[in-house]
C-alpha atoms as a PDB file:
ATOM      1  CA  MET A   1      -5.426  55.574 -38.591  1.00  0.00           C
ATOM      2  CA  VAL A   2      -7.426  54.026 -41.435  1.00  0.00           C
ATOM      3  CA  ILE A   3     -11.100  54.697 -42.133  1.00  0.00           C
ATOM      4  CA  VAL A   4     -13.267  52.242 -44.074  1.00  0.00           C
ATOM      5  CA  ASP A   5     -16.877  52.427 -45.254  1.00  0.00           C
ATOM      6  CA  ARG A   6     -19.595  49.858 -44.650  1.00  0.00           C
ATOM      7  CA  GLN A   7     -18.187  47.708 -47.467  1.00  0.00           C
ATOM      8  CA  LEU A   8     -14.769  47.821 -45.713  1.00  0.00           C
ATOM      9  CA  CYS A   9     -13.301  49.932 -48.532  1.00  0.00           C
ATOM     10  CA  VAL A  10     -10.649  52.541 -47.658  1.00  0.00           C
ATOM     11  CA  THR A  11     -11.941  56.111 -47.534  1.00  0.00           C
ATOM     12  CA  ARG A  12      -9.030  57.800 -45.779  1.00  0.00           C
ATOM     13  CA  PHE A  13      -5.731  56.992 -44.049  1.00  0.00           C
ATOM     14  CA  THR A  14      -2.943  58.862 -42.273  1.00  0.00           C
ATOM     15  CA  PRO A  15       0.678  58.686 -43.457  1.00  0.00           C
ATOM     16  CA  LEU A  16       1.852  56.566 -40.506  1.00  0.00           C
ATOM     17  CA  ALA A  17      -0.658  53.848 -41.394  1.00  0.00           C
ATOM     18  CA  VAL A  18       1.741  52.671 -44.097  1.00  0.00           C
ATOM     19  CA  ARG A  19       3.916  51.186 -41.358  1.00  0.00           C
ATOM     20  CA  VAL A  20       1.370  48.374 -41.157  1.00  0.00           C
ATOM     21  CA  PHE A  21      -0.700  48.635 -44.354  1.00  0.00           C
ATOM     22  CA  ALA A  22       1.048  49.029 -47.734  1.00  0.00           C
ATOM     23  CA  LEU A  23      -1.437  51.737 -48.692  1.00  0.00           C
ATOM     24  CA  LEU A  24      -1.267  54.021 -51.709  1.00  0.00           C
ATOM     25  CA  GLU A  25      -3.585  56.856 -52.719  1.00  0.00           C
ATOM     26  CA  ALA A  26      -4.841  54.520 -55.445  1.00  0.00           C
ATOM     27  CA  ASP A  27      -6.171  52.176 -52.728  1.00  0.00           C
ATOM     28  CA  ILE A  28      -8.871  54.643 -51.685  1.00  0.00           C
ATOM     29  CA  GLY A  29     -12.200  53.161 -52.675  1.00  0.00           C
ATOM     30  CA  HIS A  30     -10.793  49.613 -52.654  1.00  0.00           C
ATOM     31  CA  PRO A  31     -11.181  46.924 -49.947  1.00  0.00           C
ATOM     32  CA  LEU A  32      -8.744  47.304 -47.045  1.00  0.00           C
ATOM     33  CA  LEU A  33      -8.547  43.516 -46.721  1.00  0.00           C
ATOM     34  CA  GLY A  34      -6.905  43.359 -50.138  1.00  0.00           C
ATOM     35  CA  VAL A  35      -4.000  45.577 -49.023  1.00  0.00           C
ATOM     36  CA  PRO A  36      -0.811  43.728 -47.914  1.00  0.00           C
ATOM     37  CA  THR A  37       0.316  44.228 -44.320  1.00  0.00           C
ATOM     38  CA  THR A  38       3.771  44.299 -42.758  1.00  0.00           C
ATOM     39  CA  VAL A  39       2.510  42.327 -39.740  1.00  0.00           C
ATOM     40  CA  PRO A  40      -0.293  39.749 -39.581  1.00  0.00           C
ATOM     41  CA  ILE A  41      -3.567  40.921 -38.012  1.00  0.00           C
ATOM     42  CA  PRO A  42      -5.570  37.802 -37.105  1.00  0.00           C
ATOM     43  CA  GLY A  43      -9.337  38.358 -36.966  1.00  0.00           C
ATOM     44  CA  LEU A  44      -9.292  41.714 -38.757  1.00  0.00           C
ATOM     45  CA  GLN A  45     -12.134  40.965 -41.179  1.00  0.00           C
ATOM     46  CA  GLU A  46     -14.387  39.612 -38.437  1.00  0.00           C
ATOM     47  CA  ALA A  47     -13.641  42.580 -36.156  1.00  0.00           C
ATOM     48  CA  LEU A  48     -14.317  45.181 -38.851  1.00  0.00           C
ATOM     49  CA  ALA A  49     -17.574  43.510 -39.854  1.00  0.00           C
ATOM     50  CA  ALA A  50     -18.703  43.285 -36.224  1.00  0.00           C
ATOM     51  CA  VAL A  51     -18.133  46.999 -35.567  1.00  0.00           C
ATOM     52  CA  VAL A  52     -19.833  48.034 -38.820  1.00  0.00           C
ATOM     53  CA  ALA A  53     -22.762  45.806 -37.825  1.00  0.00           C
ATOM     54  CA  GLY A  54     -23.204  47.432 -34.429  1.00  0.00           C
ATOM     55  CA  GLU A  55     -20.564  46.409 -31.882  1.00  0.00           C
ATOM     56  CA  PRO A  56     -19.093  49.384 -29.965  1.00  0.00           C
ATOM     57  CA  ARG A  57     -15.417  48.369 -30.231  1.00  0.00           C
ATOM     58  CA  ARG A  58     -13.013  45.558 -31.028  1.00  0.00           C
ATOM     59  CA  SER A  59      -9.335  45.268 -30.053  1.00  0.00           C
ATOM     60  CA  LEU A  60      -6.725  43.092 -31.743  1.00  0.00           C
ATOM     61  CA  GLU A  61      -2.985  42.585 -31.553  1.00  0.00           C
ATOM     62  CA  ALA A  62      -0.758  42.721 -34.617  1.00  0.00           C
ATOM     63  CA  ALA A  63       2.783  41.454 -34.185  1.00  0.00           C
ATOM     64  CA  ASN A  64       5.774  39.865 -35.809  1.00  0.00           C
ATOM     65  CA  GLY A  65       9.148  39.082 -34.314  1.00  0.00           C
ATOM     66  CA  GLU A  66      10.212  42.733 -34.225  1.00  0.00           C
ATOM     67  CA  VAL A  67       7.212  44.962 -33.531  1.00  0.00           C
ATOM     68  CA  SER A  68       3.769  44.827 -31.914  1.00  0.00           C
ATOM     69  CA  TYR A  69       0.717  47.038 -32.442  1.00  0.00           C
ATOM     70  CA  LEU A  70      -2.527  47.418 -30.557  1.00  0.00           C
ATOM     71  CA  VAL A  71      -5.273  47.581 -33.180  1.00  0.00           C
ATOM     72  CA  GLN A  72      -8.507  49.246 -32.060  1.00  0.00           C
ATOM     73  CA  ILE A  73     -11.609  49.360 -34.244  1.00  0.00           C
ATOM     74  CA  MET A  74     -14.408  51.830 -33.488  1.00  0.00           C
ATOM     75  CA  PRO A  75     -17.500  52.936 -35.412  1.00  0.00           C
ATOM     76  CA  TYR A  76     -17.280  55.822 -37.893  1.00  0.00           C
ATOM     77  CA  LEU A  77     -20.574  57.674 -37.469  1.00  0.00           C
ATOM     78  CA  GLU A  78     -22.707  59.990 -39.554  1.00  0.00           C
ATOM     79  CA  ARG A  79     -24.013  63.175 -37.912  1.00  0.00           C
ATOM     80  CA  ASP A  80     -27.323  61.446 -37.233  1.00  0.00           C
ATOM     81  CA  GLY A  81     -25.512  58.636 -35.384  1.00  0.00           C
ATOM     82  CA  SER A  82     -25.842  56.002 -38.111  1.00  0.00           C
ATOM     83  CA  ARG A  83     -22.781  53.932 -38.921  1.00  0.00           C
ATOM     84  CA  ARG A  84     -20.842  55.080 -41.923  1.00  0.00           C
ATOM     85  CA  GLY A  85     -18.110  52.517 -41.472  1.00  0.00           C
ATOM     86  CA  ALA A  86     -15.239  51.937 -39.042  1.00  0.00           C
ATOM     87  CA  ILE A  87     -12.123  53.717 -37.810  1.00  0.00           C
ATOM     88  CA  LEU A  88      -9.067  51.544 -37.305  1.00  0.00           C
ATOM     89  CA  THR A  89      -6.237  52.933 -35.151  1.00  0.00           C
ATOM     90  CA  LEU A  90      -2.834  51.362 -34.616  1.00  0.00           C
ATOM     91  CA  THR A  91      -0.617  52.055 -31.610  1.00  0.00           C
ATOM     92  CA  GLU A  92       2.863  50.580 -31.312  1.00  0.00           C
ATOM     93  CA  VAL A  93       3.170  48.731 -28.003  1.00  0.00           C
ATOM     94  CA  SER A  94       6.374  46.747 -28.548  1.00  0.00           C
ATOM     95  CA  GLU A  95       7.997  47.930 -25.296  1.00  0.00           C
ATOM     96  CA  LEU A  96       4.892  47.006 -23.305  1.00  0.00           C
ATOM     97  CA  VAL A  97       4.391  43.621 -24.925  1.00  0.00           C
ATOM     98  CA  ALA A  98       8.004  42.410 -24.650  1.00  0.00           C
ATOM     99  CA  PRO A  99       7.952  41.811 -20.853  1.00  0.00           C
ATOM    100  CA  ARG A 100       4.630  39.963 -21.156  1.00  0.00           C
ATOM    101  CA  ARG A 101       5.998  37.713 -23.866  1.00  0.00           C
ATOM    102  CA  ALA A 102       9.122  37.009 -21.826  1.00  0.00           C
ATOM    103  CA  ALA A 103       6.956  36.098 -18.840  1.00  0.00           C
ATOM    104  CA  GLN A 104       4.808  33.821 -21.000  1.00  0.00           C
ATOM    105  CA  ALA A 105       7.898  32.087 -22.385  1.00  0.00           C
ATOM    106  CA  SER A 106       9.242  31.616 -18.868  1.00  0.00           C
ATOM    107  CA  LEU A 107       5.909  30.182 -17.701  1.00  0.00           C
ATOM    108  CA  GLU A 108       5.765  27.769 -20.635  1.00  0.00           C
ATOM    109  CA  ALA A 109       9.275  26.552 -19.853  1.00  0.00           C
ATOM    110  CA  PHE A 110       8.325  26.103 -16.187  1.00  0.00           C
ATOM    111  CA  LYS A 111       5.200  24.135 -17.150  1.00  0.00           C
ATOM    112  CA  ARG A 112       7.192  21.825 -19.419  1.00  0.00           C
ATOM    113  CA  LEU A 113       9.643  21.193 -16.595  1.00  0.00           C
ATOM    114  CA  THR A 114       7.038  20.524 -13.897  1.00  0.00           C
ATOM    115  CA  ASP A 115       4.866  18.363 -16.176  1.00  0.00           C
ATOM    116  CA  ALA A 116       7.876  16.115 -16.769  1.00  0.00           C
ATOM    117  CA  LEU A 117       8.365  15.448 -13.045  1.00  0.00           C
ATOM    118  CA  PRO A 118       6.916  12.302 -11.432  1.00  0.00           C
ATOM    119  CA  GLU A 119       5.413  14.420  -8.636  1.00  0.00           C
ATOM    120  CA  ALA A 120       2.537  16.863  -9.003  1.00  0.00           C
ATOM    121  CA  VAL A 121       3.817  20.408  -8.427  1.00  0.00           C
ATOM    122  CA  TRP A 122       1.634  23.060  -6.820  1.00  0.00           C
ATOM    123  CA  LYS A 123       1.731  26.645  -5.586  1.00  0.00           C
ATOM    124  CA  ARG A 124      -0.677  28.211  -3.081  1.00  0.00           C
ATOM    125  CA  ASP A 125      -1.137  31.594  -1.496  1.00  0.00           C
ATOM    126  CA  ALA A 126      -0.266  32.270   2.143  1.00  0.00           C
ATOM    127  CA  THR A 127      -3.749  31.266   3.316  1.00  0.00           C
ATOM    128  CA  MET A 128      -3.414  27.826   1.654  1.00  0.00           C
ATOM    129  CA  VAL A 129      -6.961  28.422   0.349  1.00  0.00           C
ATOM    130  CA  LYS A 130      -6.141  29.536  -3.192  1.00  0.00           C
ATOM    131  CA  LEU A 131      -4.291  27.243  -5.607  1.00  0.00           C
ATOM    132  CA  LEU A 132      -2.183  29.474  -7.854  1.00  0.00           C
ATOM    133  CA  TYR A 133      -0.618  26.737  -9.980  1.00  0.00           C
ATOM    134  CA  ALA A 134      -1.012  22.993 -10.510  1.00  0.00           C
ATOM    135  CA  SER A 135       1.099  20.921 -12.871  1.00  0.00           C
ATOM    136  CA  GLY A 136      -0.308  18.478 -15.412  1.00  0.00           C
ATOM    137  CA  ARG A 137       0.648  15.504 -13.219  1.00  0.00           C
ATOM    138  CA  PHE A 138      -2.347  16.244 -10.974  1.00  0.00           C
ATOM    139  CA  GLN A 139      -4.762  14.728 -13.475  1.00  0.00           C
ATOM    140  CA  ALA A 140      -2.989  11.362 -13.470  1.00  0.00           C
ATOM    141  CA  LEU A 141      -2.709  11.430  -9.671  1.00  0.00           C
ATOM    142  CA  THR A 142      -6.152  12.690  -8.639  1.00  0.00           C
ATOM    143  CA  GLY A 143      -8.352  12.592 -11.753  1.00  0.00           C
ATOM    144  CA  TRP A 144      -8.956  16.360 -11.689  1.00  0.00           C
ATOM    145  CA  THR A 145      -7.358  18.620 -14.274  1.00  0.00           C
ATOM    146  CA  PRO A 146      -5.111  21.466 -13.119  1.00  0.00           C
ATOM    147  CA  ALA A 147      -7.728  23.957 -14.344  1.00  0.00           C
ATOM    148  CA  GLU A 148     -10.461  22.306 -12.250  1.00  0.00           C
ATOM    149  CA  LEU A 149      -8.305  22.363  -9.137  1.00  0.00           C
ATOM    150  CA  CYS A 150      -7.195  25.976  -9.605  1.00  0.00           C
ATOM    151  CA  GLU A 151     -10.816  26.994 -10.136  1.00  0.00           C
ATOM    152  CA  THR A 152     -11.950  25.237  -6.946  1.00  0.00           C
ATOM    153  CA  CYS A 153      -9.072  24.402  -4.637  1.00  0.00           C
ATOM    154  CA  ALA A 154     -11.526  22.933  -2.120  1.00  0.00           C
ATOM    155  CA  ARG A 155     -11.843  19.877  -4.387  1.00  0.00           C
ATOM    156  CA  LEU A 156      -8.367  18.802  -3.359  1.00  0.00           C
ATOM    157  CA  ASP A 157      -8.749  19.574   0.345  1.00  0.00           C
ATOM    158  CA  ASP A 158     -12.172  17.932   0.522  1.00  0.00           C
ATOM    159  CA  ALA A 159     -10.628  14.783  -0.939  1.00  0.00           C
ATOM    160  CA  ILE A 160      -8.365  14.351   2.106  1.00  0.00           C
ATOM    161  CA  ASP A 161      -9.349  11.397   4.297  1.00  0.00           C
ATOM    162  CA  PRO A 162     -11.591  12.794   7.085  1.00  0.00           C
ATOM    163  CA  ALA A 163      -9.444  10.990   9.658  1.00  0.00           C
ATOM    164  CA  ASP A 164      -6.396  12.955   8.461  1.00  0.00           C
ATOM    165  CA  ARG A 165      -7.873  16.401   7.872  1.00  0.00           C
ATOM    166  CA  GLU A 166      -7.280  17.921  11.304  1.00  0.00           C
ATOM    167  CA  ARG A 167      -3.678  16.733  11.363  1.00  0.00           C
ATOM    168  CA  VAL A 168      -3.050  18.024   7.866  1.00  0.00           C
ATOM    169  CA  ARG A 169      -4.632  21.377   8.693  1.00  0.00           C
ATOM    170  CA  ALA A 170      -2.394  21.736  11.750  1.00  0.00           C
ATOM    171  CA  GLY A 171       0.681  20.627   9.842  1.00  0.00           C
ATOM    172  CA  ARG A 172       0.235  23.223   7.114  1.00  0.00           C
ATOM    173  CA  ASP A 173       1.809  25.970   9.205  1.00  0.00           C
ATOM    174  CA  VAL A 174       3.054  28.805   7.004  1.00  0.00           C
ATOM    175  CA  GLN A 175       4.957  30.239   9.977  1.00  0.00           C
ATOM    176  CA  GLN A 176       7.382  27.331   9.588  1.00  0.00           C
ATOM    177  CA  PRO A 177       9.924  26.933   6.749  1.00  0.00           C
ATOM    178  CA  GLY A 178       7.886  24.057   5.341  1.00  0.00           C
ATOM    179  CA  TRP A 179       6.452  20.629   6.037  1.00  0.00           C
ATOM    180  CA  CYS A 180       6.174  17.025   4.934  1.00  0.00           C
ATOM    181  CA  LEU A 181       2.831  15.283   5.512  1.00  0.00           C
ATOM    182  CA  ARG A 182       1.393  11.920   4.566  1.00  0.00           C
ATOM    183  CA  TYR A 183      -2.330  11.328   4.378  1.00  0.00           C
ATOM    184  CA  GLY A 184      -5.128   9.528   2.611  1.00  0.00           C
ATOM    185  CA  LEU A 185      -6.794  10.995  -0.469  1.00  0.00           C
ATOM    186  CA  THR A 186      -9.881  10.004  -2.428  1.00  0.00           C
ATOM    187  CA  THR A 187      -9.465  10.466  -6.177  1.00  0.00           C
ATOM    188  CA  ARG A 188     -12.126  11.717  -8.544  1.00  0.00           C
ATOM    189  CA  ASP A 189     -13.125   8.159  -9.450  1.00  0.00           C
ATOM    190  CA  GLY A 190     -13.432   7.125  -5.809  1.00  0.00           C
ATOM    191  CA  ARG A 191     -10.103   5.343  -5.323  1.00  0.00           C
ATOM    192  CA  SER A 192      -8.336   5.710  -1.967  1.00  0.00           C
ATOM    193  CA  ILE A 193      -4.623   6.437  -2.195  1.00  0.00           C
ATOM    194  CA  ARG A 194      -1.885   7.513   0.191  1.00  0.00           C
ATOM    195  CA  VAL A 195       0.062  10.622  -0.740  1.00  0.00           C
ATOM    196  CA  GLU A 196       3.021  12.608   0.519  1.00  0.00           C
ATOM    197  CA  GLU A 197       2.844  16.387   0.490  1.00  0.00           C
ATOM    198  CA  GLN A 198       6.073  18.349   0.748  1.00  0.00           C
ATOM    199  CA  ALA A 199       6.035  22.129   0.937  1.00  0.00           C
ATOM    200  CA  THR A 200       8.360  25.093   1.218  1.00  0.00           C
ATOM    201  CA  VAL A 201       7.249  28.554   2.350  1.00  0.00           C
ATOM    202  CA  LEU A 202       8.769  31.322   0.238  1.00  0.00           C
ATOM    203  CA  ARG A 203       8.782  34.783   1.759  1.00  0.00           C
ATOM    204  CA  GLU A 204       8.812  37.793  -0.535  1.00  0.00           C
ATOM    205  CA  GLU A 205       8.441  41.538  -0.119  1.00  0.00           C
ATOM    206  CA  SER A 206       4.810  41.347  -1.174  1.00  0.00           C
ATOM    207  CA  GLY A 207       4.047  38.476   1.229  1.00  0.00           C
ATOM    208  CA  CYS A 208       4.612  34.759   1.032  1.00  0.00           C
ATOM    209  CA  VAL A 209       3.593  31.843  -1.138  1.00  0.00           C
ATOM    210  CA  VAL A 210       3.865  28.109  -0.612  1.00  0.00           C
ATOM    211  CA  VAL A 211       5.236  25.758  -3.253  1.00  0.00           C
ATOM    212  CA  GLY A 212       5.327  22.010  -2.996  1.00  0.00           C
ATOM    213  CA  THR A 213       4.833  18.572  -4.470  1.00  0.00           C
ATOM    214  CA  LEU A 214       2.308  15.782  -4.074  1.00  0.00           C
ATOM    215  CA  ARG A 215       3.105  12.156  -4.878  1.00  0.00           C
ATOM    216  CA  ALA A 216       1.506   8.778  -4.350  1.00  0.00           C
ATOM    217  CA  ILE A 217       3.179   6.475  -1.828  1.00  0.00           C
ATOM    218  CA  GLY A 218       2.713   2.759  -1.398  1.00  0.00           C
ATOM    219  CA  GLU A 219       2.700   2.498   2.355  1.00  0.00           C
ATOM    220  CA  PRO A 220      -0.268   0.910   4.186  1.00  0.00           C
ATOM    221  CA  LYS A 221      -2.426   3.283   6.151  1.00  0.00           C
ATOM    222  CA  ASP A 222      -1.471   1.886   9.567  1.00  0.00           C
ATOM    223  CA  GLN A 223       2.265   2.577   9.042  1.00  0.00           C
ATOM    224  CA  PRO A 224       3.468   5.371  11.356  1.00  0.00           C
ATOM    225  CA  GLU A 225       3.376   8.805   9.798  1.00  0.00           C
ATOM    226  CA  ARG A 226       6.653  10.596   9.092  1.00  0.00           C
ATOM    227  CA  GLU A 227       6.373  14.324   9.513  1.00  0.00           C
ATOM    228  CA  ARG A 228       8.994  16.980   9.755  1.00  0.00           C
ATOM    229  CA  GLY A 229       9.350  20.719   9.496  1.00  0.00           C
ATOM    230  CA  GLY A 230      11.231  22.253   6.597  1.00  0.00           C
ATOM    231  CA  GLY A 231      10.465  21.705   2.954  1.00  0.00           C
ATOM    232  CA  THR A 232      12.703  20.470   0.192  1.00  0.00           C
END
């Protein structure tokens, strides 16, 4: 714990604070922001100033390659409730942060892989109503960004040619191993294209999800549709 006054000068600190701040007794009365740290704390000055000015709390993360801390900043109050400064507490959370970072690294690697594919890659929930993931290729194919489609999945389903919608709805049967459907799609800029949707239903302990691809095809609309059960 480190306590600072309204000018962000150190008034008190606990011994364990030196794990992050290279504090000495001589630093009392001097600005905390001038004290070297063992890990970078982005946004510290802004957060301290905001709490001293009236915000109830700010939280930051301080980390390097070896250790992570949760930094919480709360007001330091006088007996009459006025703000005397701020209290900064540091809690080591390395064991909690490591799995999150590993998951983020895995997701980034997956995104790089799917964005490099010629097909647009997607993932939906078992209802086929919620889009859980869309690769970057969707923007080139449909005109909508992945974020726009994940925010409102109906954009993609509403773009299906009305003449094909009932067939597509029936073909998206999550009770089957998967499907392959071809249908018309209207892009964001009004172009009509033909696409092929391939999907695989993945069953897990917590339920099931559907993953698949969408790609443009060059076949004329009156060519017979090719549909089959079972994804790739």
